[in-house]
């Protein structure tokens, strides 16, 4: 027999009626009746086990809860990455404590897992029994359609729908708990009209006139051809499914292989860049530092070298400052590999708070060396770190801003050597002397801090760093006076006293008083606006007065100080 062989080839037309083989129909009905009697015994043991398991769940609600939570806990175990629970985001003492806690939960739910496994194993046996019975009903349904017995066909359709619904419930835990009553009374649940309709249909078939040998043979071959066609269609569907499975498996395998290769290449590149960046920051003590990224079971393991003593998780031995440095280096390595030349902008918010001063300078070196084309916006509350970035050349005075306060209405207020004078002038024009005085005092505190640093003024140390104007300005003025005096003496020792104004020789004369600097840019500062008009500010020396255009008279200084203080 070839795949194209037809069993009814060459048959003549069988009369005007349908191709119906009486003897074959009677055999099918007899087989169905025999199976119908055996239905209560089919999968009886499986039904008994199912009922016992369902009763166990009903008697122990905690077991059911544990069973429902188990899959969630298993997912949580796979997602753990640190001391925070991935399920509720609650902090734990350590990652080990969190893993131990979830492991205990899984251990307690092992009994529930075994119960669930038994449930679905027995439900699968019952599902197979129901499928076998449905296949017989489908064959009989065709006979009912051929003889146009609508009552019998309706009874078969009703039972078919009920059995399909039963199979759906057998595939879920809640579904099994919902059909416990049906399982106890009999899973097959024969419709009331089915047996009566079956008897009537069997009688109808038996009363049909006997067919001649020729017609009987023809109808037999026609029925055989119909079933052979169904078989061939099933075989073709099975082969198509095998081909689809093979293609899907090949595609999946290829995808996984390519993905693994790309990810491993990415991991290699990232771990190399990460190690390079971290060695640069810690080149004084970890010049041989290495790291290893290795995928495993749905997660990515990250281990680092601890002073040539082996690879361990970052939190095992390294300090918080080193871990913060690793976090920044890993971020930069990932961005470099993911975006390449497109990594042109990044925002870093207080990322080195726990890193010591020496390694902060190395961090500045890292950004300047390896990310020349990336624009970084770095925010911090640490004034020392802000000054370190300036001294390292990572930022300049023009590319940095200092916010001294903020409000919801105006947003952050920026300290600036330029805008403050416009602010003061606007306030004075509106006769708001208090506002102008406050702005001037704030600006003088800002400038005095820089001048104290640049001039090396002897400021009394305060542990909280809360220096005010009266803490900073007098030492700054005294230091500047000393520097100017030394400069005048040095110039005089070299005979360079050209243009030095001569003081009148009078015992009643007194040296000029020290004046307030208004800028961090040395003795010559920006002009400022007061109520007395446009003036310029600087300081003078007893031995070498500065040019008159950069000096304040005493009354203006006293007025400015009174307004500030």
Protein backbone atom coordinates (compact mmCIF):
# COMPACT_ATOMS: atom_id res chain seq x y z
CA UNK A 1 0.00 0.00 0.00
CA UNK A 2 1.34 3.37 -1.05
CA UNK A 3 0.55 6.71 0.56
CA UNK A 4 -1.85 7.43 -2.32
CA UNK A 5 -3.74 4.10 -2.22
CA UNK A 6 -7.51 4.46 -1.95
CA UNK A 7 -9.50 1.56 -0.54
CA UNK A 8 -12.67 2.60 -2.38
CA UNK A 9 -11.03 3.02 -5.77
CA UNK A 10 -13.16 1.59 -8.61
CA UNK A 11 -16.32 1.25 -6.53
CA UNK A 12 -19.57 1.97 -8.33
CA UNK A 13 -22.07 4.41 -6.90
CA UNK A 14 -23.88 2.88 -3.91
CA UNK A 15 -27.50 4.03 -4.28
CA UNK A 16 -28.80 7.39 -3.30
CA UNK A 17 -28.34 6.78 0.45
CA UNK A 18 -25.20 7.50 2.45
CA UNK A 19 -22.30 5.05 2.57
CA UNK A 20 -23.32 3.22 5.75
CA UNK A 21 -22.13 -0.23 6.76
CA UNK A 22 -24.63 -1.81 9.10
CA UNK A 23 -22.33 -4.50 10.50
CA UNK A 24 -19.52 -2.04 11.14
CA UNK A 25 -21.94 0.30 12.93
CA UNK A 26 -23.23 -2.54 15.12
CA UNK A 27 -19.65 -3.49 16.06
CA UNK A 28 -18.85 0.14 16.99
CA UNK A 29 -22.00 0.39 19.11
CA UNK A 30 -21.16 -2.89 20.88
CA UNK A 31 -17.64 -1.65 21.64
CA UNK A 32 -19.01 1.63 22.98
CA UNK A 33 -21.55 -0.17 25.20
CA UNK A 34 -18.80 -2.36 26.65
CA UNK A 35 -16.60 0.66 27.42
CA UNK A 36 -19.62 2.45 28.89
CA UNK A 37 -20.03 -0.33 31.45
CA UNK A 38 -16.34 -0.07 32.42
CA UNK A 39 -16.29 3.72 32.90
CA UNK A 40 -16.75 3.62 36.72
CA UNK A 41 -13.66 1.38 36.94
CA UNK A 42 -11.48 3.43 34.57
CA UNK A 43 -8.77 5.35 36.46
CA UNK A 44 -10.47 4.37 39.73
CA UNK A 45 -7.18 4.34 41.67
CA UNK A 46 -6.22 7.72 40.24
CA UNK A 47 -9.56 9.20 41.31
CA UNK A 48 -9.16 7.79 44.82
CA UNK A 49 -5.67 9.31 45.13
CA UNK A 50 -6.95 12.65 43.83
CA UNK A 51 -9.74 12.76 46.38
CA UNK A 52 -7.32 11.94 49.20
CA UNK A 53 -4.92 14.71 48.16
CA UNK A 54 -7.73 17.24 47.78
CA UNK A 55 -9.04 16.36 51.24
CA UNK A 56 -5.53 16.82 52.67
CA UNK A 57 -5.37 20.32 51.20
CA UNK A 58 -8.83 21.14 52.55
CA UNK A 59 -7.88 20.02 56.06
CA UNK A 60 -4.58 21.93 56.12
CA UNK A 61 -4.96 25.49 54.72
CA UNK A 62 -1.31 26.23 55.60
CA UNK A 63 -0.23 23.47 53.24
CA UNK A 64 -2.24 24.99 50.42
CA UNK A 65 -0.76 28.44 51.14
CA UNK A 66 2.74 26.99 51.16
CA UNK A 67 2.04 25.25 47.87
CA UNK A 68 0.92 28.48 46.22
CA UNK A 69 3.89 30.41 47.57
CA UNK A 70 6.51 27.87 46.60
CA UNK A 71 6.84 28.99 42.99
CA UNK A 72 7.14 32.61 44.16
CA UNK A 73 9.86 31.70 46.66
CA UNK A 74 11.75 29.74 43.99
CA UNK A 75 11.70 32.78 41.72
CA UNK A 76 12.87 34.94 44.62
CA UNK A 77 15.84 32.64 45.22
CA UNK A 78 16.92 33.11 41.62
CA UNK A 79 16.58 36.90 41.78
CA UNK A 80 18.56 37.48 45.01
CA UNK A 81 21.37 39.96 44.41
CA UNK A 82 22.43 41.47 47.70
CA UNK A 83 20.91 41.89 51.14
CA UNK A 84 17.53 43.20 49.93
CA UNK A 85 14.67 40.77 49.36
CA UNK A 86 13.65 40.80 45.65
CA UNK A 87 10.06 39.94 46.62
CA UNK A 88 9.30 42.65 49.22
CA UNK A 89 12.45 44.84 48.99
CA UNK A 90 13.00 44.52 52.75
CA UNK A 91 16.61 44.83 53.96
CA UNK A 92 18.34 41.85 55.59
CA UNK A 93 21.49 41.54 57.64
CA UNK A 94 23.26 39.87 54.74
CA UNK A 95 22.57 37.97 51.54
CA UNK A 96 23.36 34.69 53.32
CA UNK A 97 20.69 35.31 55.96
CA UNK A 98 18.14 36.05 53.24
CA UNK A 99 19.02 32.90 51.29
CA UNK A 100 18.83 30.79 54.46
CA UNK A 101 15.39 32.22 55.25
CA UNK A 102 14.01 31.41 51.81
CA UNK A 103 15.66 27.97 51.87
CA UNK A 104 13.79 27.20 55.11
CA UNK A 105 10.55 28.23 53.46
CA UNK A 106 11.26 25.90 50.54
CA UNK A 107 12.11 23.07 52.93
CA UNK A 108 8.79 23.52 54.71
CA UNK A 109 6.97 23.43 51.39
CA UNK A 110 8.61 20.19 50.24
CA UNK A 111 5.63 18.22 51.53
CA UNK A 112 3.34 20.51 49.57
CA UNK A 113 5.48 20.00 46.48
CA UNK A 114 5.25 16.23 46.79
CA UNK A 115 1.49 16.51 47.18
CA UNK A 116 1.24 18.69 44.11
CA UNK A 117 3.35 16.26 42.08
CA UNK A 118 1.07 13.37 43.07
CA UNK A 119 -2.02 15.43 42.27
CA UNK A 120 -1.01 16.17 38.72
CA UNK A 121 0.33 12.67 38.10
CA UNK A 122 -3.07 11.16 38.95
CA UNK A 123 -4.97 13.87 37.11
CA UNK A 124 -2.92 13.01 34.02
CA UNK A 125 -4.06 9.36 34.23
CA UNK A 126 -7.68 10.46 34.50
CA UNK A 127 -7.20 12.85 31.58
CA UNK A 128 -5.97 9.98 29.40
CA UNK A 129 -8.99 7.86 30.30
CA UNK A 130 -11.34 10.70 29.40
CA UNK A 131 -9.55 11.24 26.07
CA UNK A 132 -9.97 7.57 25.12
CA UNK A 133 -13.69 7.69 25.84
CA UNK A 134 -14.07 10.93 23.86
CA UNK A 135 -12.49 9.30 20.78
CA UNK A 136 -15.14 6.57 20.87
CA UNK A 137 -17.93 9.12 21.25
CA UNK A 138 -16.58 11.00 18.21
CA UNK A 139 -16.81 7.86 16.03
CA UNK A 140 -20.38 7.14 17.18
CA UNK A 141 -21.31 10.77 16.58
CA UNK A 142 -20.55 10.26 12.89
CA UNK A 143 -22.93 7.30 12.75
CA UNK A 144 -25.66 9.38 14.37
CA UNK A 145 -25.07 12.11 11.79
CA UNK A 146 -25.20 9.56 8.95
CA UNK A 147 -28.60 8.25 10.13
CA UNK A 148 -29.77 11.76 11.10
CA UNK A 149 -30.57 10.81 14.69
CA UNK A 150 -30.63 14.29 16.24
CA UNK A 151 -31.57 13.16 19.77
CA UNK A 152 -28.63 10.76 20.00
CA UNK A 153 -26.30 13.35 18.44
CA UNK A 154 -27.41 15.99 20.98
CA UNK A 155 -26.77 13.59 23.88
CA UNK A 156 -23.27 12.84 22.59
CA UNK A 157 -22.53 16.57 22.12
CA UNK A 158 -23.64 17.34 25.68
CA UNK A 159 -21.43 14.64 27.17
CA UNK A 160 -18.51 15.73 25.00
CA UNK A 161 -18.73 19.32 26.30
CA UNK A 162 -18.89 18.16 29.91
CA UNK A 163 -15.87 15.89 29.51
CA UNK A 164 -13.88 18.69 27.83
CA UNK A 165 -14.65 20.96 30.79
CA UNK A 166 -13.54 18.19 33.14
CA UNK A 167 -10.21 17.88 31.32
CA UNK A 168 -9.65 21.62 31.67
CA UNK A 169 -10.15 21.44 35.44
CA UNK A 170 -7.74 18.52 35.71
CA UNK A 171 -4.84 20.76 34.65
CA UNK A 172 -4.90 23.28 37.54
CA UNK A 173 -4.87 23.10 41.32
CA UNK A 174 -7.92 25.29 41.78
CA UNK A 175 -9.74 23.32 39.07
CA UNK A 176 -9.07 20.03 40.85
CA UNK A 177 -10.34 21.45 44.14
CA UNK A 178 -13.49 22.63 42.34
CA UNK A 179 -14.45 19.20 40.92
CA UNK A 180 -13.96 17.16 44.08
CA UNK A 181 -17.73 16.58 44.28
CA UNK A 182 -17.89 15.25 40.73
CA UNK A 183 -14.92 12.98 41.30
CA UNK A 184 -16.59 11.54 44.40
CA UNK A 185 -19.87 10.81 42.58
CA UNK A 186 -18.22 9.54 39.38
CA UNK A 187 -16.02 11.45 36.98
CA UNK A 188 -17.84 10.20 33.88
CA UNK A 189 -21.21 11.71 34.98
CA UNK A 190 -23.39 10.13 32.27
CA UNK A 191 -26.11 12.51 30.97
CA UNK A 192 -29.60 11.33 31.85
CA UNK A 193 -30.78 10.97 28.25
CA UNK A 194 -27.65 9.26 26.93
CA UNK A 195 -28.44 5.61 27.73
CA UNK A 196 -32.01 5.90 26.43
CA UNK A 197 -30.81 7.60 23.24
CA UNK A 198 -28.13 4.94 22.77
CA UNK A 199 -30.66 2.12 23.07
CA UNK A 200 -32.97 3.81 20.58
CA UNK A 201 -30.14 4.36 18.09
CA UNK A 202 -28.90 0.76 18.38
CA UNK A 203 -32.44 -0.48 17.72
CA UNK A 204 -32.66 1.79 14.65
CA UNK A 205 -29.42 0.36 13.26
CA UNK A 206 -30.48 -3.23 13.96
CA UNK A 207 -33.79 -2.73 12.16
CA UNK A 208 -32.11 -1.50 9.00
CA UNK A 209 -32.48 -3.98 6.11
CA UNK A 210 -29.55 -6.28 5.61
CA UNK A 211 -27.25 -5.21 2.81
CA UNK A 212 -26.27 -7.43 -0.07
CA UNK A 213 -22.78 -8.77 -0.07
CA UNK A 214 -21.77 -6.29 -2.74
CA UNK A 215 -23.22 -3.29 -0.92
CA UNK A 216 -21.82 -4.53 2.37
CA UNK A 217 -18.36 -4.79 0.82
CA UNK A 218 -18.68 -1.37 -0.80
CA UNK A 219 -19.79 0.35 2.41
CA UNK A 220 -17.10 -1.48 4.36
CA UNK A 221 -14.44 -0.21 1.97
CA UNK A 222 -15.90 3.30 2.02
CA UNK A 223 -15.82 3.34 5.81
CA UNK A 224 -12.31 1.94 5.79
CA UNK A 225 -11.22 4.64 3.33
CA UNK A 226 -12.70 7.34 5.53
CA UNK A 227 -10.84 6.04 8.56
CA UNK A 228 -7.65 5.57 6.55
CA UNK A 229 -7.90 9.20 5.44
CA UNK A 230 -8.27 10.26 9.07
CA UNK A 231 -5.24 8.16 9.99
CA UNK A 232 -3.16 9.63 7.18
CA UNK A 233 -4.15 13.14 8.23
CA UNK A 234 -3.10 12.37 11.77
CA UNK A 235 0.22 11.01 10.54
CA UNK A 236 0.80 14.13 8.43
CA UNK A 237 -0.08 16.36 11.39
CA UNK A 238 2.29 14.36 13.59
CA UNK A 239 5.13 14.70 11.06
CA UNK A 240 4.43 18.41 10.68
CA UNK A 241 4.55 18.75 14.44
CA UNK A 242 7.87 16.87 14.54
CA UNK A 243 9.28 19.18 11.86
CA UNK A 244 8.03 22.23 13.75
CA UNK A 245 9.56 20.91 16.97
CA UNK A 246 12.87 20.25 15.21
CA UNK A 247 12.87 23.70 13.63
CA UNK A 248 11.94 25.38 16.91
CA UNK A 249 14.60 23.39 18.76
CA UNK A 250 17.20 24.31 16.16
CA UNK A 251 16.22 27.98 16.30
CA UNK A 252 16.23 27.96 20.10
CA UNK A 253 19.57 26.20 20.27
CA UNK A 254 21.10 28.55 17.72
CA UNK A 255 19.71 31.56 19.56
CA UNK A 256 21.06 30.31 22.88
CA UNK A 257 24.48 29.57 21.37
CA UNK A 258 24.72 32.99 19.73
CA UNK A 259 23.39 34.71 22.84
CA UNK A 260 25.83 32.86 25.08
CA UNK A 261 28.71 33.70 22.75
CA UNK A 262 27.76 37.38 22.63
CA UNK A 263 27.17 37.56 26.36
CA UNK A 264 30.45 35.81 27.12
CA UNK A 265 32.25 38.24 24.83
CA UNK A 266 30.45 41.11 26.56
CA UNK A 267 31.33 39.70 29.97
CA UNK A 268 34.98 39.37 28.97
CA UNK A 269 35.10 42.93 27.68
CA UNK A 270 33.26 44.32 30.71
CA UNK A 271 35.41 42.46 33.23
CA UNK A 272 38.57 43.62 31.46
CA UNK A 273 37.44 47.25 31.41
CA UNK A 274 36.17 46.98 34.97
CA UNK A 275 39.50 45.59 36.16
CA UNK A 276 41.41 48.29 34.28
CA UNK A 277 39.30 51.08 35.77
CA UNK A 278 39.49 49.69 39.29
CA UNK A 279 43.25 49.18 39.08
CA UNK A 280 43.63 52.81 38.01
CA UNK A 281 41.67 54.06 41.02
CA UNK A 282 43.53 51.73 43.42
CA UNK A 283 46.90 51.49 41.72
CA UNK A 284 48.68 52.10 45.02
CA UNK A 285 47.62 48.81 46.62
CA UNK A 286 45.68 46.69 44.09
CA UNK A 287 47.75 46.90 40.95
CA UNK A 288 47.16 43.19 40.20
CA UNK A 289 43.38 43.35 40.65
CA UNK A 290 41.22 41.08 38.46
CA UNK A 291 37.52 40.24 38.26
CA UNK A 292 35.37 37.46 36.84
CA UNK A 293 31.83 37.57 35.46
CA UNK A 294 30.31 34.11 35.03
CA UNK A 295 26.68 33.27 34.13
CA UNK A 296 24.98 30.42 36.00
CA UNK A 297 21.35 29.20 36.32
CA UNK A 298 19.56 32.38 35.41
CA UNK A 299 21.93 34.73 37.21
CA UNK A 300 25.32 36.36 36.79
CA UNK A 301 28.02 35.67 39.39
CA UNK A 302 30.48 38.50 40.04
CA UNK A 303 33.74 37.75 41.88
CA UNK A 304 36.79 39.94 42.45
CA UNK A 305 40.37 39.27 43.45
CA UNK A 306 41.29 40.04 47.05
CA UNK A 307 45.00 40.77 47.19
CA UNK A 308 45.98 37.63 45.26
CA UNK A 309 44.17 35.39 47.74
CA UNK A 310 41.44 34.18 45.42
CA UNK A 311 38.17 35.36 43.87
CA UNK A 312 35.32 36.29 46.22
CA UNK A 313 32.07 38.30 46.03
CA UNK A 314 32.73 42.05 46.41
CA UNK A 315 30.97 42.18 49.79
CA UNK A 316 33.05 39.37 51.28
CA UNK A 317 36.24 41.23 52.20
CA UNK A 318 36.37 44.64 50.50
CA UNK A 319 35.37 47.75 52.43
CA UNK A 320 32.39 49.93 51.64
CA UNK A 321 34.62 52.48 49.94
CA UNK A 322 36.12 49.80 47.67
CA UNK A 323 32.66 48.44 46.90
CA UNK A 324 31.45 51.92 45.93
CA UNK A 325 34.45 52.26 43.67
CA UNK A 326 33.64 48.88 42.11
CA UNK A 327 30.06 49.96 41.51
CA UNK A 328 31.14 53.06 39.60
CA UNK A 329 33.76 51.15 37.62
CA UNK A 330 31.26 48.44 36.69
CA UNK A 331 28.75 51.07 35.58
CA UNK A 332 31.33 52.83 33.41
CA UNK A 333 32.51 49.53 31.92
CA UNK A 334 28.93 48.52 31.03
CA UNK A 335 28.15 51.91 29.51
CA UNK A 336 31.32 51.84 27.45
CA UNK A 337 30.51 48.40 26.02
CA UNK A 338 26.80 48.94 25.53
CA UNK A 339 26.93 52.42 23.97
CA UNK A 340 30.48 52.72 22.68
CA UNK A 341 31.01 56.15 21.14
CA UNK A 342 27.38 57.00 21.90
CA UNK A 343 28.14 57.18 25.63
CA UNK A 344 28.31 60.96 25.65
CA UNK A 345 26.37 61.94 28.77
CA UNK A 346 26.13 60.63 32.34
CA UNK A 347 24.86 61.89 35.69
CA UNK A 348 26.80 60.84 38.81
CA UNK A 349 25.15 61.72 42.12
CA UNK A 350 27.47 61.46 45.15
CA UNK A 351 29.01 58.23 43.87
CA UNK A 352 32.29 58.47 45.85
CA UNK A 353 31.02 59.52 49.28
CA UNK A 354 32.74 56.59 51.03
CA UNK A 355 35.91 56.68 48.90
CA UNK A 356 38.97 58.22 50.56
CA UNK A 357 40.60 61.39 49.26
CA UNK A 358 43.56 59.75 47.52
CA UNK A 359 41.37 57.41 45.51
CA UNK A 360 39.05 60.28 44.61
CA UNK A 361 41.93 61.97 42.79
CA UNK A 362 42.48 58.71 40.91
CA UNK A 363 38.77 58.66 40.03
CA UNK A 364 39.17 62.10 38.45
CA UNK A 365 42.13 60.73 36.52
CA UNK A 366 39.99 57.81 35.31
CA UNK A 367 37.30 60.09 33.91
CA UNK A 368 39.81 62.40 32.25
CA UNK A 369 41.81 59.53 30.74
CA UNK A 370 39.21 57.04 29.53
CA UNK A 371 36.11 59.19 28.95
CA UNK A 372 37.34 62.30 27.22
CA UNK A 373 34.26 62.53 24.99
CA UNK A 374 31.67 61.99 27.72
CA UNK A 375 29.92 64.90 29.42
CA UNK A 376 29.57 64.11 33.13
CA UNK A 377 27.24 65.99 35.44
CA UNK A 378 28.54 65.30 38.95
CA UNK A 379 26.52 66.37 41.99
CA UNK A 380 27.70 66.24 45.59
CA UNK A 381 27.05 67.61 49.07
CA UNK A 382 30.74 67.29 49.94
CA UNK A 383 32.57 70.61 49.51
CA UNK A 384 35.92 68.84 49.86
CA UNK A 385 35.14 66.54 46.94
CA UNK A 386 34.03 69.55 44.89
CA UNK A 387 37.37 71.26 45.56
CA UNK A 388 39.26 68.05 44.77
CA UNK A 389 37.62 67.89 41.35
CA UNK A 390 38.78 71.45 40.70
CA UNK A 391 42.32 70.84 41.91
CA UNK A 392 42.51 67.66 39.79
CA UNK A 393 41.42 69.62 36.72
CA UNK A 394 38.28 67.58 36.19
CA UNK A 395 36.13 70.72 36.46
CA UNK A 396 36.88 74.42 36.47
CA UNK A 397 35.31 77.43 38.09
CA UNK A 398 33.42 78.13 34.88
CA UNK A 399 32.04 74.61 34.61
CA UNK A 400 30.94 74.26 38.24
CA UNK A 401 27.99 75.68 40.13
CA UNK A 402 27.39 75.91 43.86
CA UNK A 403 23.83 75.99 45.22
CA UNK A 404 23.58 77.72 48.59
CA UNK A 405 19.86 77.14 49.15
CA UNK A 406 16.60 76.43 47.37
CA UNK A 407 12.89 76.97 47.64
CA UNK A 408 9.88 75.39 45.97
CA UNK A 409 9.00 78.68 44.31
CA UNK A 410 12.41 79.70 42.96
CA UNK A 411 14.28 76.41 42.85
CA UNK A 412 18.02 76.28 43.69
CA UNK A 413 19.90 79.53 44.27
CA UNK A 414 23.32 79.61 42.61
CA UNK A 415 26.40 81.18 44.15
CA UNK A 416 28.06 83.32 41.49
CA UNK A 417 30.64 86.14 41.37
CA UNK A 418 28.69 87.79 38.59
CA UNK A 419 25.01 87.44 39.26
CA UNK A 420 25.28 88.52 42.89
CA UNK A 421 26.04 92.13 41.95
CA UNK A 422 22.97 92.31 39.74
CA UNK A 423 20.95 90.86 42.60
CA UNK A 424 22.31 93.45 45.04
CA UNK A 425 21.77 96.33 42.62
CA UNK A 426 18.19 95.25 41.93
CA UNK A 427 17.48 95.07 45.67
CA UNK A 428 19.01 98.52 46.32
CA UNK A 429 17.09 100.05 43.43
CA UNK A 430 13.93 98.86 45.16
CA UNK A 431 15.23 100.23 48.48
CA UNK A 432 15.41 96.71 49.93
CA UNK A 433 18.59 97.26 51.92
CA UNK A 434 18.07 94.18 54.08
CA UNK A 435 17.83 91.90 51.02
CA UNK A 436 20.94 93.47 49.50
CA UNK A 437 22.85 93.19 52.77
CA UNK A 438 21.96 89.51 53.12
CA UNK A 439 23.08 88.80 49.54
CA UNK A 440 26.32 90.70 50.12
CA UNK A 441 27.04 88.84 53.36
CA UNK A 442 26.35 85.48 51.72
CA UNK A 443 28.64 86.35 48.83
CA UNK A 444 31.38 87.58 51.16
CA UNK A 445 31.21 84.28 53.05
CA UNK A 446 31.53 82.46 49.76
CA UNK A 447 34.46 84.59 48.59
CA UNK A 448 36.16 84.59 52.00
CA UNK A 449 36.20 80.79 52.06
CA UNK A 450 38.05 80.70 48.74
CA UNK A 451 40.42 83.51 49.71
CA UNK A 452 41.23 81.80 53.00
CA UNK A 453 42.14 78.68 51.05
CA UNK A 454 44.17 80.49 48.38
CA UNK A 455 45.98 82.86 50.74
CA UNK A 456 46.58 80.32 53.50
CA UNK A 457 44.82 82.42 56.13
CA UNK A 458 45.06 81.29 59.75
CA UNK A 459 41.35 80.58 60.33
CA UNK A 460 40.35 79.10 63.69
CA UNK A 461 39.36 75.49 62.99
CA UNK A 462 35.76 74.41 63.50
CA UNK A 463 34.91 70.72 63.50
CA UNK A 464 31.50 71.23 61.91
CA UNK A 465 32.91 73.39 59.11
CA UNK A 466 30.25 76.03 59.79
CA UNK A 467 32.38 79.11 59.21
CA UNK A 468 30.69 82.49 59.13
CA UNK A 469 31.87 85.83 57.80
CA UNK A 470 33.36 87.00 61.12
CA UNK A 471 35.33 83.71 61.28
CA UNK A 472 36.81 84.07 57.81
CA UNK A 473 37.16 87.72 56.79
CA UNK A 474 39.44 89.06 59.58
CA UNK A 475 42.07 86.29 59.13
CA UNK A 476 41.86 86.77 55.35
CA UNK A 477 42.44 90.51 55.66
CA UNK A 478 45.30 90.01 58.11
CA UNK A 479 46.94 87.45 55.84
CA UNK A 480 46.50 89.63 52.78
CA UNK A 481 47.98 92.59 54.65
CA UNK A 482 51.01 90.51 55.56
CA UNK A 483 51.48 89.34 51.95
CA UNK A 484 51.18 92.88 50.60
CA UNK A 485 53.68 94.14 53.16
CA UNK A 486 56.17 91.44 52.20
CA UNK A 487 55.64 92.25 48.52
CA UNK A 488 56.31 95.95 49.21
CA UNK A 489 59.46 95.12 51.21
CA UNK A 490 60.70 92.82 48.45
CA UNK A 491 60.09 95.49 45.81
CA UNK A 492 61.90 98.08 47.94
CA UNK A 493 64.85 95.75 48.50
CA UNK A 494 65.23 95.53 44.74
CA UNK A 495 64.95 99.30 44.45
CA UNK A 496 61.65 99.00 42.67
CA UNK A 497 59.71 101.77 44.37
CA UNK A 498 58.69 103.53 41.19
CA UNK A 499 55.26 105.01 41.47
CA UNK A 500 55.12 104.35 45.20
CA UNK A 501 53.34 107.33 46.78
CA UNK A 502 55.25 109.14 49.47
CA UNK A 503 53.64 109.38 52.89
CA UNK A 504 53.74 112.75 54.68
CA UNK A 505 56.18 112.66 57.59
CA UNK A 506 53.96 113.57 60.45
CA UNK A 507 53.73 112.00 63.87
CA UNK A 508 49.96 112.46 63.76
CA UNK A 509 49.53 110.51 60.56
CA UNK A 510 48.30 106.93 60.76
CA UNK A 511 48.67 104.11 58.26
CA UNK A 512 45.71 103.30 56.05
CA UNK A 513 43.38 100.68 57.48
CA UNK A 514 42.89 97.24 55.92
CA UNK A 515 39.93 97.06 53.59
CA UNK A 516 37.51 94.26 52.64
CA UNK A 517 38.25 92.19 49.49
CA UNK A 518 35.18 91.44 47.43
CA UNK A 519 36.46 88.59 45.32
CA UNK A 520 38.56 85.47 45.40
CA UNK A 521 40.64 86.68 42.44
CA UNK A 522 43.33 88.51 44.41
CA UNK A 523 43.50 92.06 45.71
CA UNK A 524 41.86 93.63 42.65
CA UNK A 525 38.16 92.71 42.58
CA UNK A 526 35.00 93.34 40.60
CA UNK A 527 33.28 96.66 41.23
CA UNK A 528 30.25 96.55 43.52
CA UNK A 529 27.20 98.76 43.77
CA UNK A 530 26.13 100.35 47.04
CA UNK A 531 23.81 103.20 47.97
CA UNK A 532 26.68 105.61 47.49
CA UNK A 533 27.10 104.72 43.83
CA UNK A 534 29.59 102.67 41.79
CA UNK A 535 32.82 102.07 43.70
CA UNK A 536 35.61 99.49 43.50
CA UNK A 537 36.94 97.39 46.34
CA UNK A 538 40.40 96.22 47.33
CA UNK A 539 42.79 96.42 50.27
CA UNK A 540 45.83 98.62 50.99
CA UNK A 541 49.15 98.09 52.66
CA UNK A 542 50.69 100.34 55.29
CA UNK A 543 53.90 100.44 53.31
CA UNK A 544 52.58 100.23 49.78
CA UNK A 545 49.09 101.67 49.19
CA UNK A 546 47.28 100.23 46.22
CA UNK A 547 46.12 102.49 43.39
CA UNK A 548 43.23 104.71 44.35
CA UNK A 549 40.82 103.19 41.87
CA UNK A 550 40.74 99.88 43.80
CA UNK A 551 40.25 101.19 47.36
CA UNK A 552 37.22 101.71 49.57
CA UNK A 553 37.07 104.58 51.99
CA UNK A 554 36.62 103.67 55.64
CA UNK A 555 33.05 104.87 55.91
CA UNK A 556 31.96 102.70 52.98
CA UNK A 557 33.65 99.64 54.48
CA UNK A 558 32.07 100.25 57.86
CA UNK A 559 28.66 100.72 56.24
CA UNK A 560 29.05 97.53 54.20
CA UNK A 561 30.14 95.55 57.24
CA UNK A 562 27.30 96.91 59.32
CA UNK A 563 24.82 95.88 56.62
CA UNK A 564 26.35 92.40 56.35
CA UNK A 565 26.63 91.74 60.05
